[in-house]
Structure formats: C-alpha cells, structure tokens
Amino acid sequence: LQALKRKPDLFLCSNLDVKAVFQCGVLSLKFPEAPTVKASCGFFTELLPRCGEIAPVGQVVHEDGKVLLQAVLEGIGGQASRSLMDHFAEILFALNKHCFSHLSVW
C-alpha cells in the first residue's frame, strides 16, 4: 500500500507480475485477521483509481475484477467482521467510480 502511494509507477515495471499482486490482495481480503483485511482494502482503494493511467493495472482489473467484487461481497455477506464493512464499502465505491463499465457487467 505504501509503495503504491509513494511510487505508483512501480506498477509499470516490466518484471512485476501485477496479476499476482492483485490475486494476493484478493486472497488477503479473506484472511481472518482484521488488520490484514483492512490493509488489503486500502491497497485496492489506492489501486483502482489508477486503472485508467497505468495500463497493466487496468488490464488486470478488467480481467480479474469480478473475483475482487466477489471477495468483497462475500466479506460484506458475513465472512468478515462487521468492523470492516466501511473498508469493503470503499472498494465498492472505487469500483463504481473508476470501473463502472466493468462493474455493471460483473
């Protein structure tokens, strides 16, 4: 999360597997530890606004965003602690704001 905030062009690096980072973030949303889930939510809240400006991020969100949406909805549906609902909501807001065309398809 801090790397993404401070150096977003890190995601332009040719040897960074953006898809793997994205998948790790999705898996982290399902962890039982609240701080891990909160950090993952923060990661996606920072990542999603960059879909349009960083092509590899946009491509991964286009291809795997449905998996992210599913993980968020599972968390909201009861898999995660109620104290984390605001964090999951932030991801939904970011998806709605920055990936609306994909969100309506998913």
PDB file of N, CA and C in Angstrom:
ATOM      1  N   LEU A   1       0.831  -1.188   0.000  1.00  0.00           N
ATOM      2  CA  LEU A   1       0.000   0.000   0.000  1.00  0.00           C
ATOM      3  C   LEU A   1       0.874   1.249   0.000  1.00  0.00           C
ATOM      4  N   GLN A   2       1.875   1.284   0.868  1.00  0.00           N
ATOM      5  CA  GLN A   2       2.742   2.464   0.939  1.00  0.00           C
ATOM      6  C   GLN A   2       3.532   2.634  -0.360  1.00  0.00           C
ATOM      7  N   ALA A   3       3.968   1.512  -0.934  1.00  0.00           N
ATOM      8  CA  ALA A   3       4.708   1.593  -2.200  1.00  0.00           C
ATOM      9  C   ALA A   3       3.817   2.153  -3.302  1.00  0.00           C
ATOM     10  N   LEU A   4       2.569   1.733  -3.313  1.00  0.00           N
ATOM     11  CA  LEU A   4       1.633   2.211  -4.328  1.00  0.00           C
ATOM     12  C   LEU A   4       1.372   3.701  -4.167  1.00  0.00           C
ATOM     13  N   LYS A   5       1.247   4.172  -2.932  1.00  0.00           N
ATOM     14  CA  LYS A   5       1.009   5.597  -2.682  1.00  0.00           C
ATOM     15  C   LYS A   5       2.214   6.441  -3.078  1.00  0.00           C
ATOM     16  N   ARG A   6       3.396   5.970  -2.710  1.00  0.00           N
ATOM     17  CA  ARG A   6       4.597   6.771  -2.915  1.00  0.00           C
ATOM     18  C   ARG A   6       5.188   6.651  -4.316  1.00  0.00           C
ATOM     19  N   LYS A   7       5.034   5.483  -4.928  1.00  0.00           N
ATOM     20  CA  LYS A   7       5.658   5.249  -6.236  1.00  0.00           C
ATOM     21  C   LYS A   7       4.734   4.419  -7.120  1.00  0.00           C
ATOM     22  N   PRO A   8       3.643   5.015  -7.609  1.00  0.00           N
ATOM     23  CA  PRO A   8       2.689   4.251  -8.417  1.00  0.00           C
ATOM     24  C   PRO A   8       3.273   3.725  -9.727  1.00  0.00           C
ATOM     25  N   ASP A   9       4.338   4.351 -10.225  1.00  0.00           N
ATOM     26  CA  ASP A   9       4.936   3.864 -11.465  1.00  0.00           C
ATOM     27  C   ASP A   9       5.664   2.534 -11.269  1.00  0.00           C
ATOM     28  N   LEU A  10       5.741   2.061 -10.035  1.00  0.00           N
ATOM     29  CA  LEU A  10       6.264   0.728  -9.757  1.00  0.00           C
ATOM     30  C   LEU A  10       5.477  -0.323 -10.544  1.00  0.00           C
ATOM     31  N   PHE A  11       4.190  -0.059 -10.754  1.00  0.00           N
ATOM     32  CA  PHE A  11       3.339  -0.995 -11.474  1.00  0.00           C
ATOM     33  C   PHE A  11       3.591  -0.986 -12.981  1.00  0.00           C
ATOM     34  N   LEU A  12       4.466  -0.112 -13.439  1.00  0.00           N
ATOM     35  CA  LEU A  12       4.860  -0.094 -14.851  1.00  0.00           C
ATOM     36  C   LEU A  12       6.105  -0.943 -15.087  1.00  0.00           C
ATOM     37  N   CYS A  13       6.750  -1.370 -14.007  1.00  0.00           N
ATOM     38  CA  CYS A  13       7.963  -2.178 -14.089  1.00  0.00           C
ATOM     39  C   CYS A  13       7.672  -3.479 -14.835  1.00  0.00           C
ATOM     40  N   SER A  14       8.495  -3.796 -15.822  1.00  0.00           N
ATOM     41  CA  SER A  14       8.231  -4.952 -16.685  1.00  0.00           C
ATOM     42  C   SER A  14       8.329  -6.293 -15.962  1.00  0.00           C
ATOM     43  N   ASN A  15       9.139  -6.367 -14.903  1.00  0.00           N
ATOM     44  CA  ASN A  15       9.266  -7.649 -14.216  1.00  0.00           C
ATOM     45  C   ASN A  15       8.355  -7.762 -12.986  1.00  0.00           C
ATOM     46  N   LEU A  16       7.375  -6.887 -12.856  1.00  0.00           N
ATOM     47  CA  LEU A  16       6.392  -7.003 -11.781  1.00  0.00           C
ATOM     48  C   LEU A  16       5.171  -7.735 -12.322  1.00  0.00           C
ATOM     49  N   ASP A  17       4.785  -8.793 -11.661  1.00  0.00           N
ATOM     50  CA  ASP A  17       3.601  -9.553 -12.049  1.00  0.00           C
ATOM     51  C   ASP A  17       2.382  -8.917 -11.374  1.00  0.00           C
ATOM     52  N   VAL A  18       1.773  -7.956 -12.046  1.00  0.00           N
ATOM     53  CA  VAL A  18       0.644  -7.213 -11.492  1.00  0.00           C
ATOM     54  C   VAL A  18      -0.520  -8.159 -11.169  1.00  0.00           C
ATOM     55  N   LYS A  19      -0.713  -9.152 -12.014  1.00  0.00           N
ATOM     56  CA  LYS A  19      -1.795 -10.112 -11.798  1.00  0.00           C
ATOM     57  C   LYS A  19      -1.585 -10.872 -10.489  1.00  0.00           C
ATOM     58  N   ALA A  20      -0.352 -11.274 -10.201  1.00  0.00           N
ATOM     59  CA  ALA A  20      -0.053 -11.988  -8.959  1.00  0.00           C
ATOM     60  C   ALA A  20      -0.265 -11.090  -7.741  1.00  0.00           C
ATOM     61  N   VAL A  21       0.138  -9.834  -7.838  1.00  0.00           N
ATOM     62  CA  VAL A  21      -0.072  -8.886  -6.742  1.00  0.00           C
ATOM     63  C   VAL A  21      -1.564  -8.695  -6.504  1.00  0.00           C
ATOM     64  N   PHE A  22      -2.315  -8.573  -7.581  1.00  0.00           N
ATOM     65  CA  PHE A  22      -3.765  -8.409  -7.487  1.00  0.00           C
ATOM     66  C   PHE A  22      -4.387  -9.631  -6.810  1.00  0.00           C
ATOM     67  N   GLN A  23      -3.993 -10.819  -7.239  1.00  0.00           N
ATOM     68  CA  GLN A  23      -4.547 -12.054  -6.668  1.00  0.00           C
ATOM     69  C   GLN A  23      -4.188 -12.189  -5.186  1.00  0.00           C
ATOM     70  N   CYS A  24      -2.988 -11.814  -4.812  1.00  0.00           N
ATOM     71  CA  CYS A  24      -2.597 -11.843  -3.392  1.00  0.00           C
ATOM     72  C   CYS A  24      -3.478 -10.895  -2.583  1.00  0.00           C
ATOM     73  N   GLY A  25      -3.771  -9.739  -3.155  1.00  0.00           N
ATOM     74  CA  GLY A  25      -4.658  -8.790  -2.481  1.00  0.00           C
ATOM     75  C   GLY A  25      -6.047  -9.362  -2.292  1.00  0.00           C
ATOM     76  N   VAL A  26      -6.567 -10.031  -3.318  1.00  0.00           N
ATOM     77  CA  VAL A  26      -7.898 -10.646  -3.220  1.00  0.00           C
ATOM     78  C   VAL A  26      -7.898 -11.727  -2.140  1.00  0.00           C
ATOM     79  N   LEU A  27      -6.869 -12.561  -2.132  1.00  0.00           N
ATOM     80  CA  LEU A  27      -6.782 -13.602  -1.101  1.00  0.00           C
ATOM     81  C   LEU A  27      -6.691 -13.002   0.296  1.00  0.00           C
ATOM     82  N   SER A  28      -5.989 -11.891   0.417  1.00  0.00           N
ATOM     83  CA  SER A  28      -5.836 -11.237   1.724  1.00  0.00           C
ATOM     84  C   SER A  28      -7.160 -10.693   2.249  1.00  0.00           C
ATOM     85  N   LEU A  29      -8.092 -10.397   1.353  1.00  0.00           N
ATOM     86  CA  LEU A  29      -9.413  -9.927   1.791  1.00  0.00           C
ATOM     87  C   LEU A  29     -10.171 -11.010   2.557  1.00  0.00           C
ATOM     88  N   LYS A  30      -9.759 -12.253   2.394  1.00  0.00           N
ATOM     89  CA  LYS A  30     -10.460 -13.373   3.011  1.00  0.00           C
ATOM     90  C   LYS A  30      -9.785 -13.864   4.285  1.00  0.00           C
ATOM     91  N   PHE A  31      -8.698 -13.202   4.694  1.00  0.00           N
ATOM     92  CA  PHE A  31      -7.982 -13.608   5.902  1.00  0.00           C
ATOM     93  C   PHE A  31      -8.825 -13.326   7.139  1.00  0.00           C
ATOM     94  N   PRO A  32      -8.617 -14.093   8.195  1.00  0.00           N
ATOM     95  CA  PRO A  32      -9.391 -13.864   9.427  1.00  0.00           C
ATOM     96  C   PRO A  32      -8.889 -12.668  10.250  1.00  0.00           C
ATOM     97  N   GLU A  33      -7.664 -12.210   9.991  1.00  0.00           N
ATOM     98  CA  GLU A  33      -7.101 -11.109  10.781  1.00  0.00           C
ATOM     99  C   GLU A  33      -7.566  -9.763  10.230  1.00  0.00           C
ATOM    100  N   ALA A  34      -8.242  -8.986  11.063  1.00  0.00           N
ATOM    101  CA  ALA A  34      -8.792  -7.690  10.647  1.00  0.00           C
ATOM    102  C   ALA A  34      -7.731  -6.729  10.105  1.00  0.00           C
ATOM    103  N   PRO A  35      -6.557  -6.602  10.728  1.00  0.00           N
ATOM    104  CA  PRO A  35      -5.561  -5.660  10.176  1.00  0.00           C
ATOM    105  C   PRO A  35      -5.118  -6.021   8.751  1.00  0.00           C
ATOM    106  N   THR A  36      -5.042  -7.314   8.453  1.00  0.00           N
ATOM    107  CA  THR A  36      -4.661  -7.753   7.107  1.00  0.00           C
ATOM    108  C   THR A  36      -5.739  -7.375   6.105  1.00  0.00           C
ATOM    109  N   VAL A  37      -6.982  -7.617   6.464  1.00  0.00           N
ATOM    110  CA  VAL A  37      -8.104  -7.290   5.584  1.00  0.00           C
ATOM    111  C   VAL A  37      -8.179  -5.778   5.381  1.00  0.00           C
ATOM    112  N   LYS A  38      -7.994  -5.045   6.437  1.00  0.00           N
ATOM    113  CA  LYS A  38      -8.033  -3.572   6.348  1.00  0.00           C
ATOM    114  C   LYS A  38      -6.931  -3.062   5.405  1.00  0.00           C
ATOM    115  N   ALA A  39      -5.737  -3.621   5.531  1.00  0.00           N
ATOM    116  CA  ALA A  39      -4.628  -3.211   4.655  1.00  0.00           C
ATOM    117  C   ALA A  39      -4.926  -3.578   3.202  1.00  0.00           C
ATOM    118  N   SER A  40      -5.522  -4.738   2.991  1.00  0.00           N
ATOM    119  CA  SER A  40      -5.884  -5.151   1.627  1.00  0.00           C
ATOM    120  C   SER A  40      -6.916  -4.215   1.029  1.00  0.00           C
ATOM    121  N   CYS A  41      -7.895  -3.857   1.816  1.00  0.00           N
ATOM    122  CA  CYS A  41      -8.913  -2.909   1.350  1.00  0.00           C
ATOM    123  C   CYS A  41      -8.261  -1.584   0.972  1.00  0.00           C
ATOM    124  N   GLY A  42      -7.328  -1.129   1.789  1.00  0.00           N
ATOM    125  CA  GLY A  42      -6.607   0.103   1.490  1.00  0.00           C
ATOM    126  C   GLY A  42      -5.816   0.002   0.198  1.00  0.00           C
ATOM    127  N   PHE A  43      -5.227  -1.166  -0.035  1.00  0.00           N
ATOM    128  CA  PHE A  43      -4.479  -1.395  -1.269  1.00  0.00           C
ATOM    129  C   PHE A  43      -5.389  -1.228  -2.486  1.00  0.00           C
ATOM    130  N   PHE A  44      -6.560  -1.867  -2.450  1.00  0.00           N
ATOM    131  CA  PHE A  44      -7.465  -1.783  -3.597  1.00  0.00           C
ATOM    132  C   PHE A  44      -8.062  -0.382  -3.742  1.00  0.00           C
ATOM    133  N   THR A  45      -8.273   0.292  -2.635  1.00  0.00           N
ATOM    134  CA  THR A  45      -8.789   1.656  -2.691  1.00  0.00           C
ATOM    135  C   THR A  45      -7.784   2.586  -3.376  1.00  0.00           C
ATOM    136  N   GLU A  46      -6.496   2.310  -3.208  1.00  0.00           N
ATOM    137  CA  GLU A  46      -5.455   3.083  -3.884  1.00  0.00           C
ATOM    138  C   GLU A  46      -5.218   2.600  -5.320  1.00  0.00           C
ATOM    139  N   LEU A  47      -5.380   1.304  -5.562  1.00  0.00           N
ATOM    140  CA  LEU A  47      -5.087   0.726  -6.866  1.00  0.00           C
ATOM    141  C   LEU A  47      -6.149   1.060  -7.908  1.00  0.00           C
ATOM    142  N   LEU A  48      -7.400   0.943  -7.549  1.00  0.00           N
ATOM    143  CA  LEU A  48      -8.487   1.096  -8.529  1.00  0.00           C
ATOM    144  C   LEU A  48      -8.525   2.460  -9.223  1.00  0.00           C
ATOM    145  N   PRO A  49      -8.236   3.558  -8.537  1.00  0.00           N
ATOM    146  CA  PRO A  49      -8.228   4.843  -9.255  1.00  0.00           C
ATOM    147  C   PRO A  49      -7.146   4.935 -10.338  1.00  0.00           C
ATOM    148  N   ARG A  50      -6.194   4.035 -10.314  1.00  0.00           N
ATOM    149  CA  ARG A  50      -5.105   4.073 -11.292  1.00  0.00           C
ATOM    150  C   ARG A  50      -5.368   3.188 -12.517  1.00  0.00           C
ATOM    151  N   CYS A  51      -6.563   2.613 -12.601  1.00  0.00           N
ATOM    152  CA  CYS A  51      -6.911   1.736 -13.731  1.00  0.00           C
ATOM    153  C   CYS A  51      -6.715   2.424 -15.072  1.00  0.00           C
ATOM    154  N   GLY A  52      -7.083   3.683 -15.152  1.00  0.00           N
ATOM    155  CA  GLY A  52      -7.010   4.403 -16.414  1.00  0.00           C
ATOM    156  C   GLY A  52      -5.620   4.881 -16.764  1.00  0.00           C
ATOM    157  N   GLU A  53      -4.794   5.148 -15.768  1.00  0.00           N
ATOM    158  CA  GLU A  53      -3.483   5.738 -16.041  1.00  0.00           C
ATOM    159  C   GLU A  53      -2.350   4.718 -16.126  1.00  0.00           C
ATOM    160  N   ILE A  54      -2.529   3.539 -15.542  1.00  0.00           N
ATOM    161  CA  ILE A  54      -1.495   2.502 -15.582  1.00  0.00           C
ATOM    162  C   ILE A  54      -2.082   1.286 -16.298  1.00  0.00           C
ATOM    163  N   ALA A  55      -1.669   1.083 -17.538  1.00  0.00           N
ATOM    164  CA  ALA A  55      -2.260   0.047 -18.393  1.00  0.00           C
ATOM    165  C   ALA A  55      -2.241  -1.360 -17.782  1.00  0.00           C
ATOM    166  N   PRO A  56      -1.124  -1.809 -17.182  1.00  0.00           N
ATOM    167  CA  PRO A  56      -1.145  -3.163 -16.609  1.00  0.00           C
ATOM    168  C   PRO A  56      -2.194  -3.326 -15.497  1.00  0.00           C
ATOM    169  N   VAL A  57      -2.404  -2.282 -14.732  1.00  0.00           N
ATOM    170  CA  VAL A  57      -3.416  -2.324 -13.670  1.00  0.00           C
ATOM    171  C   VAL A  57      -4.802  -2.395 -14.292  1.00  0.00           C
ATOM    172  N   GLY A  58      -5.053  -1.565 -15.289  1.00  0.00           N
ATOM    173  CA  GLY A  58      -6.340  -1.582 -15.971  1.00  0.00           C
ATOM    174  C   GLY A  58      -6.648  -2.930 -16.584  1.00  0.00           C
ATOM    175  N   GLN A  59      -5.639  -3.564 -17.164  1.00  0.00           N
ATOM    176  CA  GLN A  59      -5.830  -4.869 -17.794  1.00  0.00           C
ATOM    177  C   GLN A  59      -6.176  -5.934 -16.754  1.00  0.00           C
ATOM    178  N   VAL A  60      -5.464  -5.942 -15.635  1.00  0.00           N
ATOM    179  CA  VAL A  60      -5.726  -6.933 -14.589  1.00  0.00           C
ATOM    180  C   VAL A  60      -7.107  -6.720 -13.974  1.00  0.00           C
ATOM    181  N   VAL A  61      -7.472  -5.480 -13.745  1.00  0.00           N
ATOM    182  CA  VAL A  61      -8.800  -5.205 -13.185  1.00  0.00           C
ATOM    183  C   VAL A  61      -9.878  -5.640 -14.171  1.00  0.00           C
ATOM    184  N   HIS A  62      -9.659  -5.379 -15.438  1.00  0.00           N
ATOM    185  CA  HIS A  62     -10.615  -5.805 -16.466  1.00  0.00           C
ATOM    186  C   HIS A  62     -10.777  -7.328 -16.466  1.00  0.00           C
ATOM    187  N   GLU A  63      -9.657  -8.036 -16.381  1.00  0.00           N
ATOM    188  CA  GLU A  63      -9.683  -9.499 -16.453  1.00  0.00           C
ATOM    189  C   GLU A  63     -10.134 -10.161 -15.151  1.00  0.00           C
ATOM    190  N   ASP A  64      -9.707  -9.625 -14.004  1.00  0.00           N
ATOM    191  CA  ASP A  64      -9.928 -10.301 -12.725  1.00  0.00           C
ATOM    192  C   ASP A  64     -10.763  -9.500 -11.728  1.00  0.00           C
ATOM    193  N   GLY A  65     -11.335  -8.411 -12.163  1.00  0.00           N
ATOM    194  CA  GLY A  65     -12.132  -7.580 -11.262  1.00  0.00           C
ATOM    195  C   GLY A  65     -13.341  -8.292 -10.689  1.00  0.00           C
ATOM    196  N   LYS A  66     -13.881  -9.215 -11.459  1.00  0.00           N
ATOM    197  CA  LYS A  66     -15.051  -9.964 -10.981  1.00  0.00           C
ATOM    198  C   LYS A  66     -14.704 -10.764  -9.727  1.00  0.00           C
ATOM    199  N   VAL A  67     -13.489 -11.292  -9.661  1.00  0.00           N
ATOM    200  CA  VAL A  67     -13.027 -12.041  -8.496  1.00  0.00           C
ATOM    201  C   VAL A  67     -12.922 -11.103  -7.287  1.00  0.00           C
ATOM    202  N   LEU A  68     -12.452  -9.889  -7.523  1.00  0.00           N
ATOM    203  CA  LEU A  68     -12.384  -8.888  -6.459  1.00  0.00           C
ATOM    204  C   LEU A  68     -13.780  -8.563  -5.953  1.00  0.00           C
ATOM    205  N   LEU A  69     -14.688  -8.299  -6.870  1.00  0.00           N
ATOM    206  CA  LEU A  69     -16.067  -7.981  -6.487  1.00  0.00           C
ATOM    207  C   LEU A  69     -16.676  -9.118  -5.676  1.00  0.00           C
ATOM    208  N   GLN A  70     -16.446 -10.338  -6.101  1.00  0.00           N
ATOM    209  CA  GLN A  70     -16.983 -11.494  -5.388  1.00  0.00           C
ATOM    210  C   GLN A  70     -16.415 -11.574  -3.969  1.00  0.00           C
ATOM    211  N   ALA A  71     -15.120 -11.352  -3.811  1.00  0.00           N
ATOM    212  CA  ALA A  71     -14.497 -11.393  -2.488  1.00  0.00           C
ATOM    213  C   ALA A  71     -15.060 -10.299  -1.581  1.00  0.00           C
ATOM    214  N   VAL A  72     -15.276  -9.113  -2.148  1.00  0.00           N
ATOM    215  CA  VAL A  72     -15.843  -8.005  -1.368  1.00  0.00           C
ATOM    216  C   VAL A  72     -17.265  -8.342  -0.919  1.00  0.00           C
ATOM    217  N   LEU A  73     -18.066  -8.859  -1.833  1.00  0.00           N
ATOM    218  CA  LEU A  73     -19.449  -9.204  -1.492  1.00  0.00           C
ATOM    219  C   LEU A  73     -19.510 -10.351  -0.480  1.00  0.00           C
ATOM    220  N   GLU A  74     -18.593 -11.298  -0.561  1.00  0.00           N
ATOM    221  CA  GLU A  74     -18.535 -12.371   0.430  1.00  0.00           C
ATOM    222  C   GLU A  74     -18.182 -11.815   1.806  1.00  0.00           C
ATOM    223  N   GLY A  75     -17.256 -10.873   1.832  1.00  0.00           N
ATOM    224  CA  GLY A  75     -16.889 -10.233   3.097  1.00  0.00           C
ATOM    225  C   GLY A  75     -18.060  -9.490   3.704  1.00  0.00           C
ATOM    226  N   ILE A  76     -18.753  -8.729   2.877  1.00  0.00           N
ATOM    227  CA  ILE A  76     -19.921  -7.981   3.343  1.00  0.00           C
ATOM    228  C   ILE A  76     -21.038  -8.937   3.766  1.00  0.00           C
ATOM    229  N   GLY A  77     -21.127 -10.058   3.057  1.00  0.00           N
ATOM    230  CA  GLY A  77     -22.192 -11.029   3.327  1.00  0.00           C
ATOM    231  C   GLY A  77     -22.022 -11.806   4.617  1.00  0.00           C
ATOM    232  N   GLY A  78     -20.934 -11.615   5.319  1.00  0.00           N
ATOM    233  CA  GLY A  78     -20.785 -12.270   6.600  1.00  0.00           C
ATOM    234  C   GLY A  78     -19.452 -12.940   6.849  1.00  0.00           C
ATOM    235  N   GLN A  79     -18.623 -13.036   5.834  1.00  0.00           N
ATOM    236  CA  GLN A  79     -17.332 -13.695   6.012  1.00  0.00           C
ATOM    237  C   GLN A  79     -16.377 -12.855   6.858  1.00  0.00           C
ATOM    238  N   ALA A  80     -16.541 -11.542   6.817  1.00  0.00           N
ATOM    239  CA  ALA A  80     -15.630 -10.645   7.540  1.00  0.00           C
ATOM    240  C   ALA A  80     -16.332 -10.004   8.738  1.00  0.00           C
ATOM    241  N   SER A  81     -15.530  -9.487   9.620  1.00  0.00           N
ATOM    242  CA  SER A  81     -16.025  -8.800  10.811  1.00  0.00           C
ATOM    243  C   SER A  81     -16.816  -7.549  10.423  1.00  0.00           C
ATOM    244  N   ARG A  82     -17.831  -7.258  11.170  1.00  0.00           N
ATOM    245  CA  ARG A  82     -18.664  -6.064  10.910  1.00  0.00           C
ATOM    246  C   ARG A  82     -17.857  -4.776  11.005  1.00  0.00           C
ATOM    247  N   SER A  83     -16.792  -4.797  11.777  1.00  0.00           N
ATOM    248  CA  SER A  83     -15.968  -3.590  11.923  1.00  0.00           C
ATOM    249  C   SER A  83     -15.236  -3.232  10.621  1.00  0.00           C
ATOM    250  N   LEU A  84     -15.230  -4.149   9.655  1.00  0.00           N
ATOM    251  CA  LEU A  84     -14.522  -3.915   8.389  1.00  0.00           C
ATOM    252  C   LEU A  84     -15.434  -3.455   7.259  1.00  0.00           C
ATOM    253  N   MET A  85     -16.710  -3.319   7.521  1.00  0.00           N
ATOM    254  CA  MET A  85     -17.665  -3.011   6.448  1.00  0.00           C
ATOM    255  C   MET A  85     -17.368  -1.693   5.746  1.00  0.00           C
ATOM    256  N   ASP A  86     -16.943  -0.688   6.478  1.00  0.00           N
ATOM    257  CA  ASP A  86     -16.611   0.592   5.840  1.00  0.00           C
ATOM    258  C   ASP A  86     -15.464   0.436   4.839  1.00  0.00           C
ATOM    259  N   HIS A  87     -14.522  -0.425   5.164  1.00  0.00           N
ATOM    260  CA  HIS A  87     -13.376  -0.645   4.278  1.00  0.00           C
ATOM    261  C   HIS A  87     -13.802  -1.369   2.998  1.00  0.00           C
ATOM    262  N   PHE A  88     -14.682  -2.353   3.142  1.00  0.00           N
ATOM    263  CA  PHE A  88     -15.209  -3.029   1.952  1.00  0.00           C
ATOM    264  C   PHE A  88     -16.045  -2.058   1.110  1.00  0.00           C
ATOM    265  N   ALA A  89     -16.787  -1.203   1.776  1.00  0.00           N
ATOM    266  CA  ALA A  89     -17.597  -0.215   1.062  1.00  0.00           C
ATOM    267  C   ALA A  89     -16.720   0.719   0.233  1.00  0.00           C
ATOM    268  N   GLU A  90     -15.545   1.058   0.746  1.00  0.00           N
ATOM    269  CA  GLU A  90     -14.630   1.928  -0.003  1.00  0.00           C
ATOM    270  C   GLU A  90     -14.198   1.273  -1.318  1.00  0.00           C
ATOM    271  N   ILE A  91     -14.007  -0.044  -1.285  1.00  0.00           N
ATOM    272  CA  ILE A  91     -13.660  -0.746  -2.530  1.00  0.00           C
ATOM    273  C   ILE A  91     -14.827  -0.673  -3.507  1.00  0.00           C
ATOM    274  N   LEU A  92     -16.037  -0.897  -3.010  1.00  0.00           N
ATOM    275  CA  LEU A  92     -17.216  -0.807  -3.888  1.00  0.00           C
ATOM    276  C   LEU A  92     -17.347   0.586  -4.494  1.00  0.00           C
ATOM    277  N   PHE A  93     -17.116   1.612  -3.685  1.00  0.00           N
ATOM    278  CA  PHE A  93     -17.185   2.983  -4.194  1.00  0.00           C
ATOM    279  C   PHE A  93     -16.113   3.212  -5.265  1.00  0.00           C
ATOM    280  N   ALA A  94     -14.897   2.697  -5.027  1.00  0.00           N
ATOM    281  CA  ALA A  94     -13.822   2.859  -6.009  1.00  0.00           C
ATOM    282  C   ALA A  94     -14.148   2.116  -7.303  1.00  0.00           C
ATOM    283  N   LEU A  95     -14.703   0.913  -7.188  1.00  0.00           N
ATOM    284  CA  LEU A  95     -15.112   0.170  -8.381  1.00  0.00           C
ATOM    285  C   LEU A  95     -16.190   0.938  -9.145  1.00  0.00           C
ATOM    286  N   ASN A  96     -17.136   1.463  -8.430  1.00  0.00           N
ATOM    287  CA  ASN A  96     -18.230   2.202  -9.055  1.00  0.00           C
ATOM    288  C   ASN A  96     -17.729   3.475  -9.742  1.00  0.00           C
ATOM    289  N   LYS A  97     -16.788   4.142  -9.112  1.00  0.00           N
ATOM    290  CA  LYS A  97     -16.296   5.404  -9.649  1.00  0.00           C
ATOM    291  C   LYS A  97     -15.316   5.220 -10.808  1.00  0.00           C
ATOM    292  N   HIS A  98     -14.429   4.229 -10.687  1.00  0.00           N
ATOM    293  CA  HIS A  98     -13.340   4.113 -11.650  1.00  0.00           C
ATOM    294  C   HIS A  98     -13.487   2.955 -12.634  1.00  0.00           C
ATOM    295  N   CYS A  99     -14.375   2.017 -12.373  1.00  0.00           N
ATOM    296  CA  CYS A  99     -14.518   0.844 -13.230  1.00  0.00           C
ATOM    297  C   CYS A  99     -16.002   0.552 -13.484  1.00  0.00           C
ATOM    298  N   PHE A 100     -16.805   1.593 -13.631  1.00  0.00           N
ATOM    299  CA  PHE A 100     -18.249   1.399 -13.704  1.00  0.00           C
ATOM    300  C   PHE A 100     -18.684   0.504 -14.852  1.00  0.00           C
ATOM    301  N   SER A 101     -18.072   0.661 -16.018  1.00  0.00           N
ATOM    302  CA  SER A 101     -18.487  -0.149 -17.162  1.00  0.00           C
ATOM    303  C   SER A 101     -18.257  -1.630 -16.915  1.00  0.00           C
ATOM    304  N   HIS A 102     -17.161  -1.949 -16.241  1.00  0.00           N
ATOM    305  CA  HIS A 102     -16.894  -3.355 -15.901  1.00  0.00           C
ATOM    306  C   HIS A 102     -17.818  -3.822 -14.777  1.00  0.00           C
ATOM    307  N   LEU A 103     -18.018  -2.966 -13.790  1.00  0.00           N
ATOM    308  CA  LEU A 103     -18.831  -3.322 -12.624  1.00  0.00           C
ATOM    309  C   LEU A 103     -20.249  -3.717 -13.045  1.00  0.00           C
ATOM    310  N   SER A 104     -20.804  -2.989 -13.988  1.00  0.00           N
ATOM    311  CA  SER A 104     -22.175  -3.303 -14.413  1.00  0.00           C
ATOM    312  C   SER A 104     -22.245  -4.647 -15.141  1.00  0.00           C
ATOM    313  N   VAL A 105     -21.147  -5.076 -15.761  1.00  0.00           N
ATOM    314  CA  VAL A 105     -21.105  -6.375 -16.423  1.00  0.00           C
ATOM    315  C   VAL A 105     -20.922  -7.498 -15.407  1.00  0.00           C
ATOM    316  N   TRP A 106     -20.048  -7.260 -14.414  1.00  0.00           N
ATOM    317  CA  TRP A 106     -19.772  -8.289 -13.403  1.00  0.00           C
ATOM    318  C   TRP A 106     -21.019  -8.561 -12.596  1.00  0.00           C
TER     319      TRP A 106
END
